[in-house]
Protein backbone atom coordinates (compact mmCIF):
# COMPACT_ATOMS: atom_id res chain seq x y z
CA UNK A 1 127.01 -18.47 147.43
CA UNK A 2 129.81 -18.19 149.84
CA UNK A 3 128.70 -17.00 153.25
CA UNK A 4 128.78 -13.00 153.55
CA UNK A 5 128.97 -12.74 149.40
CA UNK A 6 126.31 -10.28 148.22
CA UNK A 7 124.17 -11.78 144.88
CA UNK A 8 125.59 -10.52 142.09
CA UNK A 9 122.75 -7.96 141.29
CA UNK A 10 123.25 -6.87 144.98
CA UNK A 11 126.86 -5.85 144.45
CA UNK A 12 126.15 -4.18 141.34
CA UNK A 13 123.32 -2.21 143.28
CA UNK A 14 126.15 -1.30 145.79
CA UNK A 15 128.92 -0.43 143.18
CA UNK A 16 126.17 1.75 141.66
CA UNK A 17 125.12 3.39 144.92
CA UNK A 18 129.27 4.00 145.62
CA UNK A 19 129.43 5.96 142.38
CA UNK A 20 126.54 8.13 142.91
CA UNK A 21 127.97 9.33 146.10
CA UNK A 22 131.10 9.96 145.03
CA UNK A 23 129.99 11.76 141.98
CA UNK A 24 127.55 13.90 144.59
CA UNK A 25 130.30 14.83 146.85
CA UNK A 26 132.47 16.01 143.81
CA UNK A 27 129.37 18.09 142.83
CA UNK A 28 129.67 19.75 146.08
CA UNK A 29 133.54 20.00 146.07
CA UNK A 30 132.57 22.08 142.62
CA UNK A 31 129.86 23.78 143.65
CA UNK A 32 131.99 25.24 146.77
CA UNK A 33 134.42 26.86 144.07
CA UNK A 34 132.12 28.58 142.78
CA UNK A 35 132.08 32.63 142.71
CA UNK A 36 129.02 34.69 143.42
CA UNK A 37 128.95 34.97 139.74
CA UNK A 38 128.39 30.98 139.27
CA UNK A 39 131.75 30.95 137.07
CA UNK A 40 133.81 28.04 138.60
CA UNK A 41 137.02 28.98 139.73
CA UNK A 42 138.58 25.77 139.29
CA UNK A 43 139.37 26.50 135.62
CA UNK A 44 143.03 26.51 133.72
CA UNK A 45 145.07 28.85 136.12
CA UNK A 46 147.64 30.60 133.52
CA UNK A 47 148.41 33.34 136.11
CA UNK A 48 150.19 30.91 138.45
CA UNK A 49 153.68 30.61 138.07
CA UNK A 50 156.08 27.36 138.95
CA UNK A 51 154.72 27.11 142.52
CA UNK A 52 154.17 30.96 142.70
CA UNK A 53 150.14 31.44 143.47
CA UNK A 54 148.37 33.94 141.12
CA UNK A 55 148.05 36.32 143.91
CA UNK A 56 151.45 36.21 144.64
CA UNK A 57 152.44 37.06 140.82
CA UNK A 58 149.84 39.77 140.73
CA UNK A 59 152.01 41.14 143.94
CA UNK A 60 154.84 41.00 142.04
CA UNK A 61 153.26 43.16 139.10
CA UNK A 62 151.66 45.59 141.21
CA UNK A 63 153.26 45.28 144.61
CA UNK A 64 151.32 47.84 146.59
CA UNK A 65 148.23 45.19 146.23
CA UNK A 66 148.29 43.31 149.10
CA UNK A 67 146.70 46.14 150.91
CA UNK A 68 143.41 48.60 150.80
CA UNK A 69 144.81 50.67 153.70
CA UNK A 70 144.58 54.25 152.85
CA UNK A 71 143.05 53.99 149.53
CA UNK A 72 141.72 57.29 148.16
CA UNK A 73 137.93 55.18 146.88
CA UNK A 74 138.07 52.20 149.06
CA UNK A 75 134.76 50.57 148.12
CA UNK A 76 136.76 50.38 144.17
CA UNK A 77 139.86 48.72 146.05
CA UNK A 78 140.53 44.66 145.92
CA UNK A 79 143.38 43.33 147.34
CA UNK A 80 145.90 41.16 145.07
CA UNK A 81 143.80 37.71 146.92
CA UNK A 82 140.74 38.95 145.90
CA UNK A 83 141.35 39.65 142.30
CA UNK A 84 143.62 36.59 141.66
CA UNK A 85 140.07 34.18 141.23
CA UNK A 86 138.47 36.95 138.90
CA UNK A 87 141.55 37.43 137.11
CA UNK A 88 141.98 33.60 136.19
CA UNK A 89 138.49 32.90 135.51
CA UNK A 90 138.87 36.07 132.81
CA UNK A 91 141.68 35.04 130.92
CA UNK A 92 139.78 31.04 130.90
CA UNK A 93 136.81 32.94 129.64
CA UNK A 94 138.70 34.70 126.68
CA UNK A 95 141.36 31.71 126.07
CA UNK A 96 144.27 34.06 127.18
CA UNK A 97 146.61 31.40 127.66
CA UNK A 98 150.32 32.34 126.50
CA UNK A 99 152.40 34.03 129.06
CA UNK A 100 153.54 36.75 127.10
CA UNK A 101 150.01 37.75 126.46
CA UNK A 102 148.85 37.31 130.18
CA UNK A 103 151.68 39.62 131.38
CA UNK A 104 150.75 42.43 128.80
CA UNK A 105 147.13 41.78 129.91
CA UNK A 106 148.18 42.02 133.79
CA UNK A 107 150.54 44.98 133.62
CA UNK A 108 147.91 46.92 131.55
CA UNK A 109 145.27 46.22 134.41
CA UNK A 110 147.72 46.98 137.47
CA UNK A 111 148.61 50.47 135.92
CA UNK A 112 145.35 51.53 135.23
CA UNK A 113 143.47 50.59 138.13
CA UNK A 114 146.83 51.48 140.52
CA UNK A 115 147.20 48.51 141.93
CA UNK A 116 144.02 47.56 141.80
CA UNK A 117 142.48 50.67 143.79
CA UNK A 118 140.58 52.17 141.32
CA UNK A 119 137.69 50.62 139.23
CA UNK A 120 136.32 54.03 137.51
CA UNK A 121 138.25 57.26 136.27
CA UNK A 122 138.38 60.00 139.13
CA UNK A 123 141.25 62.53 137.18
CA UNK A 124 141.02 65.15 137.04
CA UNK A 125 138.06 65.41 139.48
CA UNK A 126 135.16 64.39 138.71
CA UNK A 127 136.53 61.92 136.34
CA UNK A 128 135.65 61.23 132.71
CA UNK A 129 132.20 59.96 132.53
CA UNK A 130 131.71 56.88 131.89
CA UNK A 131 135.33 55.63 132.03
CA UNK A 132 136.06 52.62 134.07
CA UNK A 133 136.37 48.82 134.80
CA UNK A 134 139.97 47.21 136.06
CA UNK A 135 141.39 48.71 132.66
CA UNK A 136 139.90 52.31 132.92
CA UNK A 137 138.04 51.45 128.99
CA UNK A 138 136.87 54.36 127.44
CA UNK A 139 132.63 54.72 127.59
CA UNK A 140 132.56 53.96 123.85
CA UNK A 141 134.13 50.59 124.88
CA UNK A 142 132.28 49.78 127.81
CA UNK A 143 129.33 50.01 125.67
CA UNK A 144 130.41 47.53 122.80
CA UNK A 145 131.49 45.32 126.13
CA UNK A 146 128.26 45.18 127.80
CA UNK A 147 126.65 44.27 124.23
CA UNK A 148 128.87 41.70 123.91
CA UNK A 149 127.62 39.96 127.00
CA UNK A 150 124.59 38.21 127.09
CA UNK A 151 122.83 39.02 130.13
CA UNK A 152 123.45 42.62 130.00
CA UNK A 153 122.94 43.19 126.24
CA UNK A 154 119.31 43.67 126.87
CA UNK A 155 119.91 46.21 129.18
CA UNK A 156 121.85 48.50 126.55
CA UNK A 157 119.43 50.85 123.99
CA UNK A 158 122.40 52.77 123.02
CA UNK A 159 123.93 51.79 119.78
CA UNK A 160 126.97 54.59 120.09
CA UNK A 161 128.06 57.25 123.04
CA UNK A 162 127.70 59.95 120.44
CA UNK A 163 124.70 62.48 122.31
CA UNK A 164 124.67 60.11 125.64
CA UNK A 165 124.37 62.65 128.57
CA UNK A 166 126.97 62.28 131.15
CA UNK A 167 124.24 59.95 133.63
CA UNK A 168 123.90 57.39 130.74
CA UNK A 169 127.13 57.00 129.65
CA UNK A 170 127.69 56.11 133.80
CA UNK A 171 124.69 53.95 133.71
CA UNK A 172 126.13 52.16 130.76
CA UNK A 173 129.62 51.74 132.81
CA UNK A 174 127.73 50.68 135.83
CA UNK A 175 126.80 47.63 134.03
CA UNK A 176 130.22 46.03 133.47
CA UNK A 177 131.73 47.42 136.83
CA UNK A 178 130.72 44.11 139.17
CA UNK A 179 133.56 42.19 139.43
CA UNK A 180 132.21 39.30 137.11
CA UNK A 181 133.29 41.84 134.46
CA UNK A 182 135.19 44.44 135.34
CA UNK A 183 138.23 42.34 135.77
CA UNK A 184 137.84 40.35 132.54
CA UNK A 185 137.36 43.79 130.34
CA UNK A 186 141.15 43.76 129.99
CA UNK A 187 140.90 40.02 128.52
CA UNK A 188 138.11 41.10 126.12
CA UNK A 189 139.74 43.86 125.17
CA UNK A 190 143.11 42.03 124.02
CA UNK A 191 140.79 39.30 122.16
CA UNK A 192 138.19 41.54 120.19
CA UNK A 193 140.30 45.04 119.52
CA UNK A 194 143.62 44.03 119.55
CA UNK A 195 143.56 40.87 117.49
CA UNK A 196 146.08 42.00 114.90
CA UNK A 197 148.56 43.04 117.77
CA UNK A 198 148.75 39.64 119.25
CA UNK A 199 151.06 37.49 117.16
CA UNK A 200 153.34 40.73 118.17
CA UNK A 201 152.56 40.40 121.94
CA UNK A 202 152.94 36.48 121.84
CA UNK A 203 156.34 37.13 120.27
CA UNK A 204 157.40 38.76 123.93
CA UNK A 205 159.84 41.66 124.55
CA UNK A 206 159.46 45.27 124.66
CA UNK A 207 158.32 45.18 120.74
CA UNK A 208 155.34 43.22 121.51
CA UNK A 209 154.54 45.60 124.62
CA UNK A 210 154.82 48.36 122.63
CA UNK A 211 152.98 47.19 120.06
CA UNK A 212 149.95 46.42 122.54
CA UNK A 213 150.06 49.79 123.77
CA UNK A 214 149.63 51.08 120.25
CA UNK A 215 146.52 48.97 120.09
CA UNK A 216 145.61 50.52 123.19
CA UNK A 217 145.80 53.96 121.87
CA UNK A 218 149.07 55.02 124.04
CA UNK A 219 152.69 55.27 124.23
CA UNK A 220 154.93 52.91 126.20
CA UNK A 221 155.57 55.77 129.15
CA UNK A 222 158.44 55.01 131.79
CA UNK A 223 155.90 54.13 134.16
CA UNK A 224 153.58 51.96 132.31
CA UNK A 225 157.23 50.15 131.07
CA UNK A 226 157.96 49.29 134.97
CA UNK A 227 154.59 47.14 135.44
CA UNK A 228 155.58 45.31 131.98
CA UNK A 229 158.98 44.94 133.34
CA UNK A 230 157.53 43.32 136.51
CA UNK A 231 155.17 41.42 134.57
CA UNK A 232 157.71 39.97 132.26
CA UNK A 233 160.01 39.14 134.87
CA UNK A 234 156.96 37.27 137.19
CA UNK A 235 156.61 35.41 133.87
CA UNK A 236 160.03 34.58 133.20
CA UNK A 237 160.03 36.94 130.08
């Protein structure tokens, strides 16, 4: 054995030790990228485009989302920077990767939430009971959505919104208003309620967005189309 040379078994032990340390450091880095609900943010990012961050893409679609100054309901408002990691996680969770679909969902969310400033329906005052989340889902869909989430399903005993009081509808809505659920509701709706429209949406263009709006239960108004045009441009459509 040469001077300074470790015995073979000691050398192997040292290698294992270094491997363990590297693995530990990697796990700590990954843990630091976890949002409060425990879902990693270092998931595939279908929103960032050609060197443009997800937050900047969202700002292109929702041009006043860079501030909550003057928001009517400041507690509900979040900026494009705050929204970006939640929306990335939502697209990953529901496996939405096609640019046209991503653009369509983001256009809907940006429009319905007033550039991310609303999480519940307030108009006309006091607002429609049970309607909320970032795509302002109706109460019946919020019930379905809550039941689809394992950690929430046991908290919902209702099987229908029929006959539910306003307070009961609002209680169901409250379950899906936290960030990890509210930002993901649009992705859930597309994948579970609009499956028949997805091929048309993926084909792109105004016809695809019209098919999406038809599934939502509305038409392509000029203000909705303005959001779609910005989203489509942001995603190169």
